Protein backbone atom coordinates (compact mmCIF):
# COMPACT_ATOMS: atom_id res chain seq x y z
CA MET A 1 -20.69 -75.21 61.95
CA THR A 2 -19.28 -71.90 63.25
CA ARG A 3 -15.96 -73.44 63.89
CA ILE A 4 -15.91 -74.61 60.10
CA ARG A 5 -16.81 -70.98 59.05
CA THR A 6 -13.86 -69.80 61.48
CA LEU A 7 -11.43 -72.24 59.75
CA ILE A 8 -12.43 -71.60 56.26
CA ALA A 9 -11.89 -67.75 57.03
CA LYS A 10 -8.60 -68.49 58.52
CA LEU A 11 -7.59 -70.02 54.99
CA GLU A 12 -7.56 -66.51 53.88
CA SER A 13 -4.78 -65.19 56.71
CA GLN A 14 -2.18 -63.27 55.53
CA GLU A 15 0.04 -65.69 57.62
CA ALA A 16 1.15 -68.81 55.81
CA GLY A 17 1.51 -70.92 59.00
CA THR A 18 -2.16 -69.83 59.96
CA ARG A 19 -3.60 -71.06 56.36
CA ARG A 20 -1.75 -74.21 56.71
CA ARG A 21 -3.02 -75.06 60.24
CA ALA A 22 -6.30 -74.00 59.28
CA ALA A 23 -6.24 -76.69 56.51
CA GLU A 24 -5.20 -79.26 58.64
CA LEU A 25 -7.74 -78.79 61.22
CA LEU A 26 -10.55 -78.74 58.49
CA ALA A 27 -9.37 -82.11 57.42
CA GLU A 28 -9.61 -83.12 60.93
CA LEU A 29 -12.99 -82.23 61.24
CA GLY A 30 -13.74 -84.19 57.90
CA ASP A 31 -16.81 -81.73 56.73
CA GLU A 32 -17.27 -81.68 53.12
CA THR A 33 -18.66 -78.27 53.08
CA CYS A 34 -15.22 -76.90 53.25
CA PHE A 35 -14.00 -78.56 50.03
CA ALA A 36 -14.48 -75.44 47.94
CA ALA A 37 -12.32 -73.35 50.46
CA LEU A 38 -9.48 -75.90 50.28
CA GLU A 39 -9.80 -76.63 46.52
CA LYS A 40 -9.18 -72.57 46.38
CA ARG A 41 -5.83 -72.91 48.42
CA LEU A 42 -4.33 -74.95 45.80
CA GLY A 43 -3.39 -71.61 43.92
CA ASP A 44 -1.75 -70.57 47.09
CA ALA A 45 1.86 -68.97 46.17
CA GLU A 46 3.42 -70.97 49.16
CA VAL A 47 4.07 -74.70 48.41
CA GLY A 48 3.55 -75.82 51.76
CA GLU A 49 0.24 -74.23 51.88
CA ARG A 50 -0.60 -76.04 48.57
CA VAL A 51 0.56 -79.25 50.09
CA ALA A 52 -1.74 -78.81 53.32
CA ALA A 53 -4.62 -78.32 51.09
CA ILE A 54 -3.66 -81.29 49.19
CA ASP A 55 -3.52 -83.43 52.19
CA ALA A 56 -6.71 -81.94 53.62
CA LEU A 57 -8.44 -82.89 50.48
CA GLY A 58 -7.45 -86.30 50.38
CA ARG A 59 -8.65 -86.62 53.80
CA LEU A 60 -11.87 -85.57 52.84
CA LYS A 61 -12.54 -88.51 49.92
CA VAL A 62 -14.89 -86.48 48.11
CA ALA A 63 -14.99 -87.96 44.43
CA ALA A 64 -14.29 -84.62 42.84
CA GLU A 65 -10.95 -84.41 44.58
CA TYR A 66 -9.31 -87.24 42.54
CA ASP A 67 -9.56 -85.37 39.16
CA ILE A 68 -7.89 -82.43 41.06
CA LEU A 69 -5.13 -84.68 42.67
CA LEU A 70 -4.64 -86.06 39.13
CA ALA A 71 -4.18 -82.82 37.41
CA LEU A 72 -1.77 -81.80 40.40
CA LEU A 73 0.84 -84.75 39.45
CA ASP A 74 2.19 -82.45 36.78
CA ASP A 75 2.54 -79.38 38.93
CA PRO A 76 5.94 -77.76 38.62
CA ASP A 77 6.69 -78.06 42.44
CA GLU A 78 7.84 -81.53 43.37
CA PRO A 79 6.54 -81.31 46.98
CA VAL A 80 3.06 -80.83 45.23
CA GLN A 81 3.50 -83.75 42.94
CA GLU A 82 4.37 -85.96 45.98
CA ALA A 83 1.49 -84.77 48.06
CA ALA A 84 -0.86 -85.41 45.06
CA ALA A 85 0.37 -89.15 44.44
């Protein structure tokens, strides 16, 4: 659990690459307790971080994610739309 808390904290890093990698690692761990933290990253200013959060949420396969991903199909950024599809 400590590893998950550490990675969730890294989602708040000032470095975009750190946030992206933390999302990827959380997805690999597959623990649903990180769902809310990943969902929060969907509001990141960086498109790449939003795409990483979408990918991570998709890999968790939590029922609530489907409504979120459906809404992101209308995102103004095409990479976000593609990741949500």
